[in-house]
Amino acid sequence: SLPAKLINGGIAGLIGVTCVFPIDLAKTRLQNQQNGQRMYASLSDCLIKTIRSEGYFGMYRGAAVNLTLVTPEKAIKLAANDFFRHHLSKDGKKLTLLREMLAGCGAGTCQVIVTTPMEMLKIQLQDAGRIAAQKKLMAAQAQLSSSPAAAAAEPAVETRTTATQITRELLRSKGIAGLYKGLGATLLRDVPFSIVYFPLFANLNKLGQKDPSVKAPFYVSFLSGCVAGSTAAVAVNPCDVIKTRLQSLQRGVNEDTYSGILDCTKKIWQREGPTAFFKGAYCRALVIAPLFGIAQVVYFIGIAEFLLDMLPKHRA
């Protein structure tokens, strides 16, 4: 049933995001730093420096936004894919690869309604620590080079903003369009991702089914979700880098600004080289693999069906 699909998608999203959010934060910071003042050398370096400067919970900056909106986002994505697969199938016959890709395309298109504002707010909060750390480092270097008295001065304290404050400011200055900045880049990432992910998962998962009418074991669904998710994540990483750069409202010292997808693509290619499009690719694979592995296990086990079945018994 649709309610069961929505609950399953929501539970899967909450569990997955909680597990992998620190890696996602590192991915955003690695993707946003440009040639010049580079704060982090790798995933582990980013996480270590984040803990040292911002504490353990610094790794979860922006998590509240994700946890709030990931339920409708994952629910829409998984339920939409099932909806399109059902309506594209003919008399219950096996879907062709093209129809599976079309179903994935429909799911990816539907989810951006929630994904774009969620990613927009999350990125601001995730990247704030990097920009603050960069400013402190530049200020300390300037103080040391000027005079001992200036070096002894107290460093500026970072003013932390919340998702609510950012939302209010964007709505006040730009209206609802402010929350949908980078919509085109989000579509450019999520539609191809779903086109790759859903058919690949469905076919990998079928390999573990002894009978078409019986569900595959949970470990097969988990591994299929991990493999399909990491493959799709790496494939669309260039689009994710562009989306992250376009949705970042604040820039570090001497970092480029962009007017659109083509301008962003051109500047990254010319100033940072083609390898810059794969910044954070392994982080994204590490995020997406368990995230979708967990999602598919929860979705296919059907926790929601169990909960919904218990309601009449409880009432009785």
Protein backbone atom coordinates (compact mmCIF):
# COMPACT_ATOMS: atom_id res chain seq x y z
CA SER A 1 0.00 0.00 0.00
CA LEU A 2 1.07 3.61 -0.51
CA PRO A 3 1.16 4.44 3.25
CA ALA A 4 3.43 1.43 3.84
CA LYS A 5 5.75 2.54 1.04
CA LEU A 6 5.94 6.05 2.48
CA ILE A 7 6.66 4.80 6.01
CA ASN A 8 9.28 2.33 4.78
CA GLY A 9 11.00 5.03 2.74
CA GLY A 10 10.98 7.41 5.68
CA ILE A 11 12.40 4.89 8.17
CA ALA A 12 15.08 3.86 5.69
CA GLY A 13 16.09 7.48 5.13
CA LEU A 14 16.31 8.30 8.85
CA ILE A 15 18.49 5.27 9.64
CA GLY A 16 20.73 5.76 6.62
CA VAL A 17 21.32 9.50 7.07
CA THR A 18 22.17 9.09 10.77
CA CYS A 19 24.83 6.51 9.89
CA VAL A 20 26.58 8.31 7.03
CA PHE A 21 26.07 12.05 7.63
CA PRO A 22 29.68 12.83 8.76
CA ILE A 23 30.98 11.42 5.46
CA ASP A 24 28.44 13.53 3.57
CA LEU A 25 29.65 16.63 5.42
CA ALA A 26 33.25 15.83 4.40
CA LYS A 27 32.10 15.34 0.79
CA THR A 28 30.53 18.80 0.69
CA ARG A 29 33.61 20.49 2.14
CA LEU A 30 36.00 18.66 -0.17
CA GLN A 31 33.89 19.52 -3.22
CA ASN A 32 33.61 23.20 -2.30
CA GLN A 33 37.27 23.94 -1.63
CA GLN A 34 39.03 25.31 -4.68
CA ASN A 35 42.66 25.70 -5.70
CA GLY A 36 44.28 28.19 -3.37
CA GLN A 37 43.43 28.00 0.33
CA ARG A 38 42.76 24.27 0.73
CA MET A 39 41.76 23.28 4.25
CA TYR A 40 41.47 19.50 3.88
CA ALA A 41 43.63 16.92 2.13
CA SER A 42 41.31 13.91 2.39
CA LEU A 43 38.20 12.45 4.01
CA SER A 44 40.01 11.46 7.21
CA ASP A 45 41.85 14.80 7.40
CA CYS A 46 38.54 16.67 7.05
CA LEU A 47 36.82 14.65 9.80
CA ILE A 48 39.78 14.96 12.21
CA LYS A 49 40.04 18.74 11.72
CA THR A 50 36.27 19.12 12.05
CA ILE A 51 36.24 17.29 15.39
CA ARG A 52 39.20 19.34 16.66
CA SER A 53 37.73 22.71 15.73
CA GLU A 54 33.98 22.10 16.08
CA GLY A 55 33.67 19.10 18.37
CA TYR A 56 32.04 15.73 17.68
CA PHE A 57 28.64 17.24 16.91
CA GLY A 58 30.32 19.52 14.35
CA MET A 59 30.24 16.50 12.03
CA TYR A 60 26.43 16.65 12.18
CA ARG A 61 25.95 20.30 11.20
CA GLY A 62 22.95 20.36 8.89
CA ALA A 63 21.79 16.91 9.97
CA ALA A 64 18.54 18.27 11.41
CA VAL A 65 17.50 19.55 7.96
CA ASN A 66 18.34 16.22 6.38
CA LEU A 67 16.56 14.18 9.04
CA THR A 68 13.48 16.37 8.75
CA LEU A 69 13.22 16.27 4.96
CA VAL A 70 14.81 12.90 4.13
CA THR A 71 11.60 11.09 5.07
CA PRO A 72 9.46 12.71 2.35
CA GLU A 73 12.43 12.70 -0.05
CA LYS A 74 13.17 8.98 0.22
CA ALA A 75 9.48 8.15 0.44
CA ILE A 76 8.73 10.04 -2.79
CA LYS A 77 11.71 8.49 -4.58
CA LEU A 78 11.00 4.86 -3.68
CA ALA A 79 7.22 5.12 -3.97
CA ALA A 80 7.42 7.00 -7.30
CA ASN A 81 9.72 4.35 -8.76
CA ASP A 82 7.27 1.61 -7.75
CA PHE A 83 4.37 3.67 -9.15
CA PHE A 84 6.03 4.16 -12.55
CA ARG A 85 7.22 0.54 -12.71
CA HIS A 86 3.67 -0.65 -12.03
CA HIS A 87 2.13 1.54 -14.72
CA LEU A 88 4.85 0.81 -17.27
CA SER A 89 4.51 -2.96 -16.89
CA LYS A 90 2.17 -4.72 -19.28
CA ASP A 91 -0.11 -7.35 -17.72
CA GLY A 92 2.48 -8.07 -15.01
CA LYS A 93 5.18 -8.97 -17.54
CA LYS A 94 8.86 -8.28 -16.89
CA LEU A 95 9.87 -4.67 -17.58
CA THR A 96 12.32 -4.00 -20.38
CA LEU A 97 15.53 -2.12 -19.51
CA LEU A 98 14.21 0.99 -21.26
CA ARG A 99 11.01 0.97 -19.19
CA GLU A 100 13.02 0.44 -16.00
CA MET A 101 15.11 3.48 -16.91
CA LEU A 102 11.97 5.51 -17.62
CA ALA A 103 10.59 4.57 -14.19
CA GLY A 104 13.85 5.68 -12.58
CA CYS A 105 13.72 8.93 -14.55
CA GLY A 106 10.22 9.61 -13.24
CA ALA A 107 11.30 8.89 -9.65
CA GLY A 108 14.32 11.20 -9.92
CA THR A 109 12.19 14.00 -11.36
CA CYS A 110 9.59 13.72 -8.59
CA GLN A 111 12.06 13.76 -5.71
CA VAL A 112 13.64 17.16 -6.57
CA ILE A 113 10.55 18.85 -5.11
CA VAL A 114 12.01 18.03 -1.70
CA THR A 115 15.67 17.36 -2.57
CA THR A 116 16.52 20.85 -3.86
CA PRO A 117 15.56 22.91 -0.77
CA MET A 118 16.91 20.16 1.52
CA GLU A 119 20.31 20.15 -0.21
CA MET A 120 20.32 23.94 -0.42
CA LEU A 121 19.96 24.38 3.35
CA LYS A 122 22.18 21.42 4.23
CA ILE A 123 25.09 22.67 2.14
CA GLN A 124 25.08 26.11 3.80
CA LEU A 125 25.29 24.54 7.26
CA GLN A 126 27.81 21.87 6.28
CA ASP A 127 30.20 24.32 4.60
CA ALA A 128 29.98 27.06 7.23
CA GLY A 129 32.67 25.40 9.35
CA ARG A 130 35.12 25.24 6.43
CA ILE A 131 34.67 28.92 5.59
CA ALA A 132 34.99 29.94 9.27
CA ALA A 133 38.16 27.84 9.67
CA GLN A 134 39.64 29.36 6.52
CA LYS A 135 38.93 32.91 7.72
CA LYS A 136 40.51 32.17 11.12
CA LEU A 137 43.62 30.76 9.44
CA MET A 138 43.95 33.76 7.14
CA ALA A 139 43.44 36.16 10.07
CA ALA A 140 46.06 34.35 12.16
CA GLN A 141 48.57 34.49 9.28
CA ALA A 142 47.88 38.20 8.80
CA GLN A 143 48.31 38.90 12.52
CA LEU A 144 51.60 37.03 12.72
CA SER A 145 52.99 38.89 9.74
CA SER A 146 51.91 42.31 11.07
CA SER A 147 52.92 42.63 14.75
CA PRO A 148 53.21 40.58 17.97
CA ALA A 149 50.49 42.75 19.54
CA ALA A 150 48.05 41.96 16.75
CA ALA A 151 48.91 38.27 17.01
CA ALA A 152 47.85 38.29 20.65
CA ALA A 153 44.40 39.65 19.80
CA GLU A 154 41.36 37.44 20.27
CA PRO A 155 40.24 35.63 17.07
CA ALA A 156 36.78 36.41 15.73
CA VAL A 157 34.03 34.15 17.04
CA GLU A 158 31.98 32.33 14.41
CA THR A 159 28.33 33.33 14.36
CA ARG A 160 26.31 30.18 13.77
CA THR A 161 23.18 30.44 11.68
CA THR A 162 20.34 27.95 11.65
CA ALA A 163 18.33 26.44 8.82
CA THR A 164 15.33 28.50 9.94
CA GLN A 165 17.31 31.76 9.71
CA ILE A 166 18.63 30.89 6.25
CA THR A 167 15.13 29.93 5.07
CA ARG A 168 13.61 33.18 6.33
CA GLU A 169 16.34 35.27 4.70
CA LEU A 170 16.00 33.46 1.36
CA LEU A 171 12.21 33.77 1.38
CA ARG A 172 12.44 37.45 2.30
CA SER A 173 15.02 38.36 -0.33
CA LYS A 174 14.26 35.96 -3.21
CA GLY A 175 10.95 34.30 -2.44
CA ILE A 176 10.37 30.57 -2.92
CA ALA A 177 12.83 30.60 -5.84
CA GLY A 178 15.63 31.21 -3.34
CA LEU A 179 15.11 27.74 -1.85
CA TYR A 180 15.20 26.22 -5.34
CA LYS A 181 18.56 27.67 -6.37
CA GLY A 182 20.40 24.96 -8.31
CA LEU A 183 17.20 23.17 -9.36
CA GLY A 184 18.55 22.51 -12.86
CA ALA A 185 21.79 21.05 -11.48
CA THR A 186 19.82 18.92 -9.01
CA LEU A 187 17.74 17.49 -11.86
CA LEU A 188 20.95 16.96 -13.84
CA ARG A 189 22.25 14.83 -10.95
CA ASP A 190 19.16 13.05 -9.63
CA VAL A 191 17.51 12.00 -12.89
CA PRO A 192 20.61 10.21 -14.31
CA PHE A 193 21.28 8.75 -10.84
CA SER A 194 17.82 7.17 -10.72
CA ILE A 195 18.09 6.02 -14.33
CA VAL A 196 21.27 4.10 -13.41
CA TYR A 197 20.37 3.06 -9.86
CA PHE A 198 16.88 1.55 -10.05
CA PRO A 199 17.37 -0.75 -13.08
CA LEU A 200 20.78 -1.84 -11.79
CA PHE A 201 19.40 -2.61 -8.33
CA ALA A 202 16.38 -4.45 -9.69
CA ASN A 203 18.53 -6.70 -11.89
CA LEU A 204 21.15 -7.36 -9.20
CA ASN A 205 18.44 -8.15 -6.67
CA LYS A 206 16.84 -10.66 -9.08
CA LEU A 207 20.08 -12.65 -9.09
CA GLY A 208 19.40 -13.56 -5.44
CA GLN A 209 15.80 -14.65 -6.03
CA LYS A 210 15.35 -18.40 -6.32
CA ASP A 211 11.76 -17.82 -7.36
CA PRO A 212 10.27 -14.66 -8.96
CA SER A 213 7.36 -14.73 -6.51
CA VAL A 214 9.65 -14.83 -3.43
CA LYS A 215 11.63 -11.87 -2.11
CA ALA A 216 15.43 -12.04 -2.24
CA PRO A 217 17.20 -12.51 1.14
CA PHE A 218 17.83 -9.27 3.02
CA TYR A 219 21.61 -9.47 2.51
CA VAL A 220 21.10 -9.68 -1.26
CA SER A 221 18.92 -6.53 -1.17
CA PHE A 222 21.53 -4.80 1.00
CA LEU A 223 24.48 -5.69 -1.25
CA SER A 224 22.48 -4.86 -4.38
CA GLY A 225 21.60 -1.45 -2.93
CA CYS A 226 25.25 -0.82 -2.00
CA VAL A 227 26.64 -1.78 -5.42
CA ALA A 228 23.95 0.01 -7.42
CA GLY A 229 24.11 3.11 -5.19
CA SER A 230 27.91 3.50 -5.28
CA THR A 231 28.01 2.89 -9.05
CA ALA A 232 25.34 5.51 -9.75
CA ALA A 233 26.92 7.95 -7.27
CA VAL A 234 30.34 7.90 -8.95
CA ALA A 235 28.74 8.10 -12.42
CA VAL A 236 26.94 11.38 -11.62
CA ASN A 237 29.60 12.90 -9.33
CA PRO A 238 30.54 15.67 -11.82
CA CYS A 239 26.91 16.86 -11.68
CA ASP A 240 27.02 16.70 -7.88
CA VAL A 241 30.14 18.90 -7.77
CA ILE A 242 28.44 21.48 -10.01
CA LYS A 243 25.26 21.36 -7.91
CA THR A 244 27.20 21.82 -4.66
CA ARG A 245 29.13 24.81 -6.02
CA LEU A 246 25.99 26.49 -7.40
CA GLN A 247 24.02 26.04 -4.18
CA SER A 248 26.75 27.45 -1.92
CA LEU A 249 25.78 31.00 -0.99
CA GLN A 250 29.07 31.85 0.76
CA ARG A 251 32.57 31.55 -0.67
CA GLY A 252 35.95 31.17 0.90
CA VAL A 253 38.91 33.46 0.25
CA ASN A 254 39.71 33.86 -3.48
CA GLU A 255 37.10 31.30 -4.53
CA ASP A 256 35.12 31.59 -7.77
CA THR A 257 31.45 32.49 -8.07
CA TYR A 258 29.23 31.05 -10.81
CA SER A 259 26.29 32.33 -12.84
CA GLY A 260 24.94 28.95 -13.97
CA ILE A 261 25.67 25.36 -14.92
CA LEU A 262 27.70 26.16 -18.06
CA ASP A 263 29.71 28.91 -16.35
CA CYS A 264 30.46 26.62 -13.41
CA THR A 265 31.49 23.73 -15.68
CA LYS A 266 33.77 25.98 -17.74
CA LYS A 267 35.52 27.56 -14.74
CA ILE A 268 36.10 24.25 -12.97
CA TRP A 269 37.53 22.70 -16.15
CA GLN A 270 39.82 25.65 -16.91
CA ARG A 271 41.04 26.50 -13.39
CA GLU A 272 41.02 23.16 -11.58
CA GLY A 273 41.21 20.58 -14.35
CA PRO A 274 38.91 17.64 -15.23
CA THR A 275 39.83 15.72 -12.07
CA ALA A 276 38.02 18.40 -10.01
CA PHE A 277 34.71 17.00 -11.24
CA PHE A 278 35.44 13.87 -9.20
CA LYS A 279 36.20 15.63 -5.93
CA GLY A 280 34.53 13.76 -3.10
CA ALA A 281 33.58 10.86 -5.41
CA TYR A 282 34.79 8.21 -2.98
CA CYS A 283 33.04 10.05 -0.11
CA ARG A 284 29.82 10.10 -2.09
CA ALA A 285 30.17 6.39 -2.86
CA LEU A 286 30.74 5.72 0.87
CA VAL A 287 27.62 7.74 1.68
CA ILE A 288 25.30 6.35 -0.98
CA ALA A 289 26.30 2.67 -0.72
CA PRO A 290 25.13 2.04 2.88
CA LEU A 291 22.37 4.65 2.58
CA PHE A 292 20.66 2.81 -0.26
CA GLY A 293 21.65 -0.60 1.07
CA ILE A 294 19.84 0.18 4.34
CA ALA A 295 16.97 1.79 2.43
CA GLN A 296 16.36 -1.27 0.29
CA VAL A 297 16.57 -3.69 3.24
CA VAL A 298 14.02 -1.67 5.24
CA TYR A 299 11.87 -1.21 2.14
CA PHE A 300 11.90 -4.88 1.17
CA ILE A 301 11.55 -6.28 4.70
CA GLY A 302 8.45 -4.11 5.01
CA ILE A 303 8.67 -2.70 8.54
CA ALA A 304 5.69 -0.47 7.77
CA GLU A 305 3.48 -3.42 6.88
CA PHE A 306 4.24 -4.92 10.29
CA LEU A 307 3.44 -1.64 12.07
CA LEU A 308 0.23 -1.10 10.10
CA ASP A 309 -0.87 -4.68 10.75
CA MET A 310 -0.36 -4.17 14.47
CA LEU A 311 -2.64 -1.11 14.65
CA PRO A 312 -6.01 -2.97 14.38
CA LYS A 313 -4.81 -5.60 16.87
CA HIS A 314 -3.73 -2.90 19.30
CA ARG A 315 -7.07 -1.12 18.98
CA ALA A 316 -8.91 -4.40 19.45
